[in-house]
Amino acid sequence: DLNRAVLRWAREEVPQDAGLVRTAIEVLAISQRFERIGDLTTSMAEEV
């Protein structure tokens, strides 16, 4: 849910400020990696 909220932030903020594009790219990349860590953590729990 938080990953989707970050995506919504990017969709709302970037059109208002083109200078945010590069920042948004990095923020989205961070969000995607945390989301993937969540997936792998879930896999660990399932292995337990």
All heavy atoms as atom14 arrays in JSON, in Angstrom:
{
  "sequence": "DLNRAVLRWAREEVPQDAGLVRTAIEVLAISQRFERIGDLTTSMAEEV",
  "atom14_mask": [
    [1, 1, 1, 1, 1, 1, 1, 1, 0, 0, 0, 0, 0, 0],
    [1, 1, 1, 1, 1, 1, 1, 1, 0, 0, 0, 0, 0, 0],
    [1, 1, 1, 1, 1, 1, 1, 1, 0, 0, 0, 0, 0, 0],
    [1, 1, 1, 1, 1, 1, 1, 1, 1, 1, 1, 0, 0, 0],
    [1, 1, 1, 1, 1, 0, 0, 0, 0, 0, 0, 0, 0, 0],
    [1, 1, 1, 1, 1, 1, 1, 0, 0, 0, 0, 0, 0, 0],
    [1, 1, 1, 1, 1, 1, 1, 1, 0, 0, 0, 0, 0, 0],
    [1, 1, 1, 1, 1, 1, 1, 1, 1, 1, 1, 0, 0, 0],
    [1, 1, 1, 1, 1, 1, 1, 1, 1, 1, 1, 1, 1, 1],
    [1, 1, 1, 1, 1, 0, 0, 0, 0, 0, 0, 0, 0, 0],
    [1, 1, 1, 1, 1, 1, 1, 1, 1, 1, 1, 0, 0, 0],
    [1, 1, 1, 1, 1, 1, 1, 1, 1, 0, 0, 0, 0, 0],
    [1, 1, 1, 1, 1, 1, 1, 1, 1, 0, 0, 0, 0, 0],
    [1, 1, 1, 1, 1, 1, 1, 0, 0, 0, 0, 0, 0, 0],
    [1, 1, 1, 1, 1, 1, 1, 0, 0, 0, 0, 0, 0, 0],
    [1, 1, 1, 1, 1, 1, 1, 1, 1, 0, 0, 0, 0, 0],
    [1, 1, 1, 1, 1, 1, 1, 1, 0, 0, 0, 0, 0, 0],
    [1, 1, 1, 1, 1, 0, 0, 0, 0, 0, 0, 0, 0, 0],
    [1, 1, 1, 1, 0, 0, 0, 0, 0, 0, 0, 0, 0, 0],
    [1, 1, 1, 1, 1, 1, 1, 1, 0, 0, 0, 0, 0, 0],
    [1, 1, 1, 1, 1, 1, 1, 0, 0, 0, 0, 0, 0, 0],
    [1, 1, 1, 1, 1, 1, 1, 1, 1, 1, 1, 0, 0, 0],
    [1, 1, 1, 1, 1, 1, 1, 0, 0, 0, 0, 0, 0, 0],
    [1, 1, 1, 1, 1, 0, 0, 0, 0, 0, 0, 0, 0, 0],
    [1, 1, 1, 1, 1, 1, 1, 1, 0, 0, 0, 0, 0, 0],
    [1, 1, 1, 1, 1, 1, 1, 1, 1, 0, 0, 0, 0, 0],
    [1, 1, 1, 1, 1, 1, 1, 0, 0, 0, 0, 0, 0, 0],
    [1, 1, 1, 1, 1, 1, 1, 1, 0, 0, 0, 0, 0, 0],
    [1, 1, 1, 1, 1, 0, 0, 0, 0, 0, 0, 0, 0, 0],
    [1, 1, 1, 1, 1, 1, 1, 1, 0, 0, 0, 0, 0, 0],
    [1, 1, 1, 1, 1, 1, 0, 0, 0, 0, 0, 0, 0, 0],
    [1, 1, 1, 1, 1, 1, 1, 1, 1, 0, 0, 0, 0, 0],
    [1, 1, 1, 1, 1, 1, 1, 1, 1, 1, 1, 0, 0, 0],
    [1, 1, 1, 1, 1, 1, 1, 1, 1, 1, 1, 0, 0, 0],
    [1, 1, 1, 1, 1, 1, 1, 1, 1, 0, 0, 0, 0, 0],
    [1, 1, 1, 1, 1, 1, 1, 1, 1, 1, 1, 0, 0, 0],
    [1, 1, 1, 1, 1, 1, 1, 1, 0, 0, 0, 0, 0, 0],
    [1, 1, 1, 1, 0, 0, 0, 0, 0, 0, 0, 0, 0, 0],
    [1, 1, 1, 1, 1, 1, 1, 1, 0, 0, 0, 0, 0, 0],
    [1, 1, 1, 1, 1, 1, 1, 1, 0, 0, 0, 0, 0, 0],
    [1, 1, 1, 1, 1, 1, 1, 0, 0, 0, 0, 0, 0, 0],
    [1, 1, 1, 1, 1, 1, 1, 0, 0, 0, 0, 0, 0, 0],
    [1, 1, 1, 1, 1, 1, 0, 0, 0, 0, 0, 0, 0, 0],
    [1, 1, 1, 1, 1, 1, 1, 1, 0, 0, 0, 0, 0, 0],
    [1, 1, 1, 1, 1, 0, 0, 0, 0, 0, 0, 0, 0, 0],
    [1, 1, 1, 1, 1, 1, 1, 1, 1, 0, 0, 0, 0, 0],
    [1, 1, 1, 1, 1, 1, 1, 1, 1, 0, 0, 0, 0, 0],
    [1, 1, 1, 1, 1, 1, 1, 0, 0, 0, 0, 0, 0, 0]
  ],
  "atom14_positions": [
    [[0.84, -1.21, 0.0], [0.0, 0.0, 0.0], [0.87, 1.26, 0.0], [0.56, 2.24, -0.7], [-0.92, 0.02, 1.22], [-2.02, -1.02, 1.14], [-2.31, -1.5, 0.02], [-2.59, -1.36, 2.2], [0.0, 0.0, 0.0], [0.0, 0.0, 0.0], [0.0, 0.0, 0.0], [0.0, 0.0, 0.0], [0.0, 0.0, 0.0], [0.0, 0.0, 0.0]],
    [[1.94, 1.25, 0.77], [2.83, 2.41, 0.83], [3.56, 2.61, -0.49], [3.77, 3.76, -0.92], [3.84, 2.23, 1.98], [3.25, 2.34, 3.39], [4.25, 1.85, 4.44], [2.83, 3.78, 3.68], [0.0, 0.0, 0.0], [0.0, 0.0, 0.0], [0.0, 0.0, 0.0], [0.0, 0.0, 0.0], [0.0, 0.0, 0.0], [0.0, 0.0, 0.0]],
    [[3.91, 1.53, -1.15], [4.54, 1.64, -2.46], [3.59, 2.32, -3.45], [4.0, 3.2, -4.24], [4.93, 0.25, -2.97], [5.7, 0.29, -4.28], [6.62, 1.07, -4.45], [5.31, -0.55, -5.22], [0.0, 0.0, 0.0], [0.0, 0.0, 0.0], [0.0, 0.0, 0.0], [0.0, 0.0, 0.0], [0.0, 0.0, 0.0], [0.0, 0.0, 0.0]],
    [[2.33, 1.96, -3.4], [1.34, 2.6, -4.27], [1.16, 4.08, -3.91], [0.95, 4.93, -4.79], [0.01, 1.85, -4.18], [0.02, 0.51, -4.93], [-1.37, -0.09, -5.0], [-1.77, -0.68, -3.73], [-1.54, -1.95, -3.4], [-0.93, -2.77, -4.25], [-1.95, -2.42, -2.22], [0.0, 0.0, 0.0], [0.0, 0.0, 0.0], [0.0, 0.0, 0.0]],
    [[1.27, 4.39, -2.62], [1.15, 5.79, -2.2], [2.31, 6.63, -2.74], [2.13, 7.8, -3.11], [1.1, 5.87, -0.67], [0.0, 0.0, 0.0], [0.0, 0.0, 0.0], [0.0, 0.0, 0.0], [0.0, 0.0, 0.0], [0.0, 0.0, 0.0], [0.0, 0.0, 0.0], [0.0, 0.0, 0.0], [0.0, 0.0, 0.0], [0.0, 0.0, 0.0]],
    [[3.5, 6.05, -2.8], [4.65, 6.77, -3.37], [4.42, 7.02, -4.86], [4.73, 8.1, -5.38], [5.96, 5.98, -3.14], [7.13, 6.65, -3.85], [6.25, 5.85, -1.65], [0.0, 0.0, 0.0], [0.0, 0.0, 0.0], [0.0, 0.0, 0.0], [0.0, 0.0, 0.0], [0.0, 0.0, 0.0], [0.0, 0.0, 0.0], [0.0, 0.0, 0.0]],
    [[3.87, 6.04, -5.54], [3.57, 6.21, -6.96], [2.55, 7.33, -7.17], [2.69, 8.15, -8.09], [3.06, 4.89, -7.54], [2.75, 4.87, -9.04], [3.98, 5.24, -9.86], [2.25, 3.49, -9.46], [0.0, 0.0, 0.0], [0.0, 0.0, 0.0], [0.0, 0.0, 0.0], [0.0, 0.0, 0.0], [0.0, 0.0, 0.0], [0.0, 0.0, 0.0]],
    [[1.55, 7.38, -6.31], [0.56, 8.47, -6.41], [1.21, 9.83, -6.19], [0.89, 10.81, -6.86], [-0.58, 8.25, -5.4], [-1.54, 7.14, -5.78], [-2.82, 7.22, -4.96], [-2.57, 7.06, -3.53], [-2.55, 5.87, -2.92], [-2.71, 4.76, -3.62], [-2.33, 5.81, -1.63], [0.0, 0.0, 0.0], [0.0, 0.0, 0.0], [0.0, 0.0, 0.0]],
    [[2.12, 9.88, -5.21], [2.87, 11.13, -4.95], [3.57, 11.6, -6.22], [3.5, 12.78, -6.58], [3.87, 10.92, -3.83], [4.89, 12.01, -3.72], [4.75, 13.2, -3.05], [6.19, 12.04, -4.31], [5.89, 13.97, -3.2], [6.79, 13.28, -3.96], [6.92, 11.15, -5.1], [8.07, 13.64, -4.37], [8.2, 11.5, -5.51], [8.76, 12.73, -5.15]],
    [[4.27, 10.69, -6.89], [5.01, 11.05, -8.11], [4.06, 11.55, -9.19], [4.33, 12.55, -9.87], [5.82, 9.87, -8.6], [0.0, 0.0, 0.0], [0.0, 0.0, 0.0], [0.0, 0.0, 0.0], [0.0, 0.0, 0.0], [0.0, 0.0, 0.0], [0.0, 0.0, 0.0], [0.0, 0.0, 0.0], [0.0, 0.0, 0.0], [0.0, 0.0, 0.0]],
    [[2.93, 10.88, -9.35], [1.95, 11.27, -10.38], [1.36, 12.66, -10.1], [1.04, 13.41, -11.03], [0.84, 10.24, -10.46], [1.27, 8.93, -11.12], [0.17, 7.9, -11.03], [0.49, 6.68, -11.78], [-0.18, 5.54, -11.67], [-1.22, 5.46, -10.84], [0.16, 4.49, -12.38], [0.0, 0.0, 0.0], [0.0, 0.0, 0.0], [0.0, 0.0, 0.0]],
    [[1.22, 12.98, -8.83], [0.61, 14.27, -8.47], [1.62, 15.42, -8.48], [1.28, 16.54, -8.88], [-0.03, 14.16, -7.08], [-1.24, 13.24, -7.05], [-1.68, 12.92, -5.62], [-1.04, 13.45, -4.67], [-2.63, 12.13, -5.45], [0.0, 0.0, 0.0], [0.0, 0.0, 0.0], [0.0, 0.0, 0.0], [0.0, 0.0, 0.0], [0.0, 0.0, 0.0]],
    [[2.85, 15.16, -8.05], [3.83, 16.23, -7.87], [4.6, 16.58, -9.13], [4.87, 17.75, -9.4], [4.81, 15.84, -6.75], [4.19, 15.7, -5.38], [3.61, 17.01, -4.86], [4.19, 18.07, -5.15], [2.57, 16.96, -4.19], [0.0, 0.0, 0.0], [0.0, 0.0, 0.0], [0.0, 0.0, 0.0], [0.0, 0.0, 0.0], [0.0, 0.0, 0.0]],
    [[4.98, 15.58, -9.9], [5.82, 15.84, -11.07], [5.15, 16.76, -12.09], [5.79, 17.69, -12.61], [6.29, 14.52, -11.72], [6.96, 14.79, -13.06], [7.24, 13.77, -10.78], [0.0, 0.0, 0.0], [0.0, 0.0, 0.0], [0.0, 0.0, 0.0], [0.0, 0.0, 0.0], [0.0, 0.0, 0.0], [0.0, 0.0, 0.0], [0.0, 0.0, 0.0]],
    [[3.86, 16.57, -12.41], [3.24, 17.49, -13.37], [3.25, 18.94, -12.91], [3.2, 19.86, -13.72], [1.8, 16.96, -13.48], [1.9, 15.52, -13.12], [2.94, 15.48, -12.04], [0.0, 0.0, 0.0], [0.0, 0.0, 0.0], [0.0, 0.0, 0.0], [0.0, 0.0, 0.0], [0.0, 0.0, 0.0], [0.0, 0.0, 0.0], [0.0, 0.0, 0.0]],
    [[3.32, 19.17, -11.6], [3.33, 20.53, -11.07], [4.71, 21.16, -11.07], [4.85, 22.37, -10.99], [2.76, 20.54, -9.65], [1.33, 20.03, -9.54], [0.84, 20.02, -8.11], [1.09, 20.95, -7.34], [0.12, 18.96, -7.75], [0.0, 0.0, 0.0], [0.0, 0.0, 0.0], [0.0, 0.0, 0.0], [0.0, 0.0, 0.0], [0.0, 0.0, 0.0]],
    [[5.75, 20.32, -11.11], [7.12, 20.82, -11.05], [8.02, 19.89, -11.86], [8.45, 18.84, -11.37], [7.58, 20.89, -9.6], [8.98, 21.5, -9.45], [9.62, 21.78, -10.48], [9.42, 21.7, -8.3], [0.0, 0.0, 0.0], [0.0, 0.0, 0.0], [0.0, 0.0, 0.0], [0.0, 0.0, 0.0], [0.0, 0.0, 0.0], [0.0, 0.0, 0.0]],
    [[8.33, 20.3, -13.09], [9.15, 19.46, -13.98], [10.53, 19.21, -13.4], [11.19, 18.22, -13.74], [9.26, 20.11, -15.36], [0.0, 0.0, 0.0], [0.0, 0.0, 0.0], [0.0, 0.0, 0.0], [0.0, 0.0, 0.0], [0.0, 0.0, 0.0], [0.0, 0.0, 0.0], [0.0, 0.0, 0.0], [0.0, 0.0, 0.0], [0.0, 0.0, 0.0]],
    [[10.98, 20.09, -12.51], [12.3, 19.91, -11.91], [12.37, 18.73, -10.95], [13.46, 18.34, -10.53], [0.0, 0.0, 0.0], [0.0, 0.0, 0.0], [0.0, 0.0, 0.0], [0.0, 0.0, 0.0], [0.0, 0.0, 0.0], [0.0, 0.0, 0.0], [0.0, 0.0, 0.0], [0.0, 0.0, 0.0], [0.0, 0.0, 0.0], [0.0, 0.0, 0.0]],
    [[11.2, 18.17, -10.64], [11.15, 17.02, -9.73], [11.36, 15.68, -10.43], [11.44, 14.65, -9.77], [9.81, 16.97, -9.01], [9.63, 17.8, -7.74], [8.21, 17.65, -7.23], [10.62, 17.38, -6.67], [0.0, 0.0, 0.0], [0.0, 0.0, 0.0], [0.0, 0.0, 0.0], [0.0, 0.0, 0.0], [0.0, 0.0, 0.0], [0.0, 0.0, 0.0]],
    [[11.47, 15.69, -11.75], [11.49, 14.42, -12.49], [12.62, 13.51, -12.02], [12.41, 12.34, -11.7], [11.59, 14.67, -14.01], [11.84, 13.36, -14.74], [10.32, 15.33, -14.52], [0.0, 0.0, 0.0], [0.0, 0.0, 0.0], [0.0, 0.0, 0.0], [0.0, 0.0, 0.0], [0.0, 0.0, 0.0], [0.0, 0.0, 0.0], [0.0, 0.0, 0.0]],
    [[13.84, 14.03, -11.98], [14.98, 13.18, -11.6], [14.86, 12.72, -10.14], [15.17, 11.56, -9.82], [16.29, 13.95, -11.8], [16.63, 14.19, -13.28], [17.89, 15.01, -13.42], [19.05, 14.32, -12.87], [20.22, 14.93, -12.58], [20.34, 16.23, -12.75], [21.22, 14.23, -12.1], [0.0, 0.0, 0.0], [0.0, 0.0, 0.0], [0.0, 0.0, 0.0]],
    [[14.39, 13.62, -9.29], [14.19, 13.23, -7.89], [13.13, 12.14, -7.78], [13.3, 11.16, -7.05], [13.76, 14.46, -7.06], [14.81, 15.42, -7.07], [13.44, 14.07, -5.63], [0.0, 0.0, 0.0], [0.0, 0.0, 0.0], [0.0, 0.0, 0.0], [0.0, 0.0, 0.0], [0.0, 0.0, 0.0], [0.0, 0.0, 0.0], [0.0, 0.0, 0.0]],
    [[12.04, 12.3, -8.51], [10.97, 11.31, -8.47], [11.44, 9.94, -8.93], [11.05, 8.91, -8.38], [9.79, 11.78, -9.32], [0.0, 0.0, 0.0], [0.0, 0.0, 0.0], [0.0, 0.0, 0.0], [0.0, 0.0, 0.0], [0.0, 0.0, 0.0], [0.0, 0.0, 0.0], [0.0, 0.0, 0.0], [0.0, 0.0, 0.0], [0.0, 0.0, 0.0]],
    [[12.3, 9.94, -9.95], [12.84, 8.66, -10.45], [13.6, 7.94, -9.34], [13.45, 6.72, -9.13], [13.74, 8.89, -11.68], [12.88, 9.31, -12.88], [14.56, 7.64, -12.0], [13.69, 9.77, -14.08], [0.0, 0.0, 0.0], [0.0, 0.0, 0.0], [0.0, 0.0, 0.0], [0.0, 0.0, 0.0], [0.0, 0.0, 0.0], [0.0, 0.0, 0.0]],
    [[14.44, 8.68, -8.61], [15.22, 8.07, -7.54], [14.31, 7.61, -6.39], [14.51, 6.52, -5.83], [16.27, 9.06, -7.01], [17.26, 9.56, -8.05], [18.06, 8.45, -8.72], [18.17, 7.35, -8.15], [18.58, 8.68, -9.83], [0.0, 0.0, 0.0], [0.0, 0.0, 0.0], [0.0, 0.0, 0.0], [0.0, 0.0, 0.0], [0.0, 0.0, 0.0]],
    [[13.32, 8.43, -6.05], [12.4, 8.08, -4.96], [11.61, 6.82, -5.33], [11.43, 5.91, -4.51], [11.46, 9.25, -4.65], [10.32, 8.81, -3.73], [12.24, 10.4, -4.0], [0.0, 0.0, 0.0], [0.0, 0.0, 0.0], [0.0, 0.0, 0.0], [0.0, 0.0, 0.0], [0.0, 0.0, 0.0], [0.0, 0.0, 0.0], [0.0, 0.0, 0.0]],
    [[11.14, 6.76, -6.56], [10.39, 5.57, -7.0], [11.27, 4.33, -6.99], [10.81, 3.23, -6.63], [9.82, 5.8, -8.4], [8.64, 6.76, -8.5], [8.34, 7.1, -9.97], [7.41, 6.18, -7.83], [0.0, 0.0, 0.0], [0.0, 0.0, 0.0], [0.0, 0.0, 0.0], [0.0, 0.0, 0.0], [0.0, 0.0, 0.0], [0.0, 0.0, 0.0]],
    [[12.54, 4.48, -7.36], [13.46, 3.35, -7.34], [13.68, 2.85, -5.91], [13.75, 1.63, -5.66], [14.8, 3.74, -7.97], [0.0, 0.0, 0.0], [0.0, 0.0, 0.0], [0.0, 0.0, 0.0], [0.0, 0.0, 0.0], [0.0, 0.0, 0.0], [0.0, 0.0, 0.0], [0.0, 0.0, 0.0], [0.0, 0.0, 0.0], [0.0, 0.0, 0.0]],
    [[13.79, 3.78, -4.97], [13.92, 3.4, -3.55], [12.67, 2.65, -3.1], [12.75, 1.6, -2.44], [14.16, 4.65, -2.69], [15.57, 5.21, -2.95], [14.0, 4.32, -1.2], [15.84, 6.55, -2.3], [0.0, 0.0, 0.0], [0.0, 0.0, 0.0], [0.0, 0.0, 0.0], [0.0, 0.0, 0.0], [0.0, 0.0, 0.0], [0.0, 0.0, 0.0]],
    [[11.51, 3.19, -3.44], [10.25, 2.56, -3.05], [10.13, 1.15, -3.61], [9.74, 0.21, -2.9], [9.09, 3.43, -3.55], [7.85, 2.87, -3.19], [0.0, 0.0, 0.0], [0.0, 0.0, 0.0], [0.0, 0.0, 0.0], [0.0, 0.0, 0.0], [0.0, 0.0, 0.0], [0.0, 0.0, 0.0], [0.0, 0.0, 0.0], [0.0, 0.0, 0.0]],
    [[10.48, 0.98, -4.86], [10.4, -0.35, -5.49], [11.31, -1.35, -4.8], [10.95, -2.53, -4.64], [10.75, -0.24, -6.97], [9.67, 0.46, -7.8], [10.17, 0.88, -9.17], [11.34, 0.68, -9.52], [9.28, 1.47, -9.96], [0.0, 0.0, 0.0], [0.0, 0.0, 0.0], [0.0, 0.0, 0.0], [0.0, 0.0, 0.0], [0.0, 0.0, 0.0]],
    [[12.47, -0.88, -4.38], [13.41, -1.79, -3.7], [12.93, -2.17, -2.31], [13.07, -3.32, -1.88], [14.81, -1.16, -3.68], [15.52, -1.3, -5.01], [16.65, -0.31, -5.21], [17.32, -0.54, -6.49], [16.83, -0.19, -7.68], [15.64, 0.4, -7.75], [17.51, -0.43, -8.79], [0.0, 0.0, 0.0], [0.0, 0.0, 0.0], [0.0, 0.0, 0.0]],
    [[12.33, -1.22, -1.59], [11.74, -1.57, -0.3], [10.58, -2.55, -0.49], [10.41, -3.49, 0.31], [11.26, -0.32, 0.43], [12.33, 0.32, 1.28], [12.8, 1.58, 0.98], [12.86, -0.34, 2.38], [13.8, 2.19, 1.76], [13.85, 0.24, 3.17], [14.31, 1.51, 2.86], [0.0, 0.0, 0.0], [0.0, 0.0, 0.0], [0.0, 0.0, 0.0]],
    [[9.79, -2.35, -1.52], [8.69, -3.27, -1.8], [9.21, -4.67, -2.07], [8.64, -5.67, -1.6], [7.87, -2.76, -2.99], [6.54, -3.46, -3.2], [6.65, -4.66, -4.09], [7.62, -4.74, -4.87], [5.76, -5.54, -4.02], [0.0, 0.0, 0.0], [0.0, 0.0, 0.0], [0.0, 0.0, 0.0], [0.0, 0.0, 0.0], [0.0, 0.0, 0.0]],
    [[10.32, -4.75, -2.8], [10.92, -6.06, -3.09], [11.5, -6.69, -1.82], [11.41, -7.91, -1.64], [12.02, -5.89, -4.16], [12.69, -7.18, -4.59], [11.7, -8.16, -5.17], [12.35, -9.42, -5.51], [11.76, -10.61, -5.41], [10.52, -10.72, -4.97], [12.41, -11.71, -5.75], [0.0, 0.0, 0.0], [0.0, 0.0, 0.0], [0.0, 0.0, 0.0]],
    [[12.07, -5.87, -0.95], [12.55, -6.41, 0.33], [11.38, -7.0, 1.11], [11.5, -8.06, 1.72], [13.25, -5.3, 1.16], [14.6, -4.94, 0.52], [13.47, -5.76, 2.61], [15.29, -3.74, 1.15], [0.0, 0.0, 0.0], [0.0, 0.0, 0.0], [0.0, 0.0, 0.0], [0.0, 0.0, 0.0], [0.0, 0.0, 0.0], [0.0, 0.0, 0.0]],
    [[10.22, -6.33, 1.05], [9.03, -6.87, 1.7], [8.64, -8.22, 1.12], [8.28, -9.14, 1.87], [0.0, 0.0, 0.0], [0.0, 0.0, 0.0], [0.0, 0.0, 0.0], [0.0, 0.0, 0.0], [0.0, 0.0, 0.0], [0.0, 0.0, 0.0], [0.0, 0.0, 0.0], [0.0, 0.0, 0.0], [0.0, 0.0, 0.0], [0.0, 0.0, 0.0]],
    [[8.72, -8.36, -0.19], [8.4, -9.64, -0.83], [9.35, -10.75, -0.38], [8.92, -11.88, -0.09], [8.47, -9.51, -2.35], [7.31, -8.71, -2.94], [6.31, -8.51, -2.22], [7.42, -8.28, -4.09], [0.0, 0.0, 0.0], [0.0, 0.0, 0.0], [0.0, 0.0, 0.0], [0.0, 0.0, 0.0], [0.0, 0.0, 0.0], [0.0, 0.0, 0.0]],
    [[10.63, -10.43, -0.34], [11.63, -11.44, 0.07], [11.48, -11.78, 1.54], [11.67, -12.93, 1.95], [13.04, -10.92, -0.22], [13.43, -10.88, -1.69], [14.71, -10.07, -1.9], [13.63, -12.3, -2.25], [0.0, 0.0, 0.0], [0.0, 0.0, 0.0], [0.0, 0.0, 0.0], [0.0, 0.0, 0.0], [0.0, 0.0, 0.0], [0.0, 0.0, 0.0]],
    [[11.12, -10.8, 2.34], [10.89, -11.05, 3.77], [9.69, -11.97, 3.95], [9.71, -12.88, 4.8], [10.66, -9.71, 4.5], [11.82, -8.88, 4.34], [10.41, -9.94, 5.98], [0.0, 0.0, 0.0], [0.0, 0.0, 0.0], [0.0, 0.0, 0.0], [0.0, 0.0, 0.0], [0.0, 0.0, 0.0], [0.0, 0.0, 0.0], [0.0, 0.0, 0.0]],
    [[8.66, -11.77, 3.14], [7.5, -12.66, 3.17], [7.91, -14.08, 2.78], [7.45, -15.07, 3.4], [6.4, -12.15, 2.23], [5.99, -10.85, 2.67], [5.2, -13.07, 2.23], [0.0, 0.0, 0.0], [0.0, 0.0, 0.0], [0.0, 0.0, 0.0], [0.0, 0.0, 0.0], [0.0, 0.0, 0.0], [0.0, 0.0, 0.0], [0.0, 0.0, 0.0]],
    [[8.76, -14.19, 1.77], [9.25, -15.53, 1.37], [10.0, -16.19, 2.52], [9.86, -17.41, 2.75], [10.15, -15.4, 0.15], [9.43, -14.99, -0.98], [0.0, 0.0, 0.0], [0.0, 0.0, 0.0], [0.0, 0.0, 0.0], [0.0, 0.0, 0.0], [0.0, 0.0, 0.0], [0.0, 0.0, 0.0], [0.0, 0.0, 0.0], [0.0, 0.0, 0.0]],
    [[10.82, -15.41, 3.24], [11.51, -15.95, 4.42], [10.52, -16.49, 5.43], [10.69, -17.59, 5.98], [12.35, -14.85, 5.08], [13.66, -14.53, 4.41], [14.48, -13.14, 5.27], [14.53, -13.73, 6.97], [0.0, 0.0, 0.0], [0.0, 0.0, 0.0], [0.0, 0.0, 0.0], [0.0, 0.0, 0.0], [0.0, 0.0, 0.0], [0.0, 0.0, 0.0]],
    [[9.47, -15.71, 5.69], [8.46, -16.14, 6.66], [7.78, -17.43, 6.22], [7.52, -18.33, 7.03], [7.43, -15.02, 6.86], [0.0, 0.0, 0.0], [0.0, 0.0, 0.0], [0.0, 0.0, 0.0], [0.0, 0.0, 0.0], [0.0, 0.0, 0.0], [0.0, 0.0, 0.0], [0.0, 0.0, 0.0], [0.0, 0.0, 0.0], [0.0, 0.0, 0.0]],
    [[7.51, -17.54, 4.93], [6.88, -18.75, 4.4], [7.82, -19.95, 4.53], [7.36, -21.08, 4.79], [6.47, -18.53, 2.95], [5.31, -17.55, 2.82], [5.01, -17.13, 1.4], [5.88, -17.34, 0.52], [3.92, -16.57, 1.15], [0.0, 0.0, 0.0], [0.0, 0.0, 0.0], [0.0, 0.0, 0.0], [0.0, 0.0, 0.0], [0.0, 0.0, 0.0]],
    [[9.12, -19.72, 4.37], [10.08, -20.8, 4.56], [10.13, -21.24, 6.02], [10.33, -22.43, 6.31], [11.48, -20.35, 4.1], [11.61, -20.09, 2.61], [11.37, -21.31, 1.75], [11.39, -22.43, 2.27], [11.16, -21.13, 0.54], [0.0, 0.0, 0.0], [0.0, 0.0, 0.0], [0.0, 0.0, 0.0], [0.0, 0.0, 0.0], [0.0, 0.0, 0.0]],
    [[9.97, -20.29, 6.96], [9.94, -20.65, 8.38], [8.75, -21.56, 8.65], [8.86, -22.57, 9.37], [9.86, -19.38, 9.26], [9.58, -19.76, 10.72], [11.16, -18.58, 9.17], [0.0, 0.0, 0.0], [0.0, 0.0, 0.0], [0.0, 0.0, 0.0], [0.0, 0.0, 0.0], [0.0, 0.0, 0.0], [0.0, 0.0, 0.0], [0.0, 0.0, 0.0]]
  ]
}
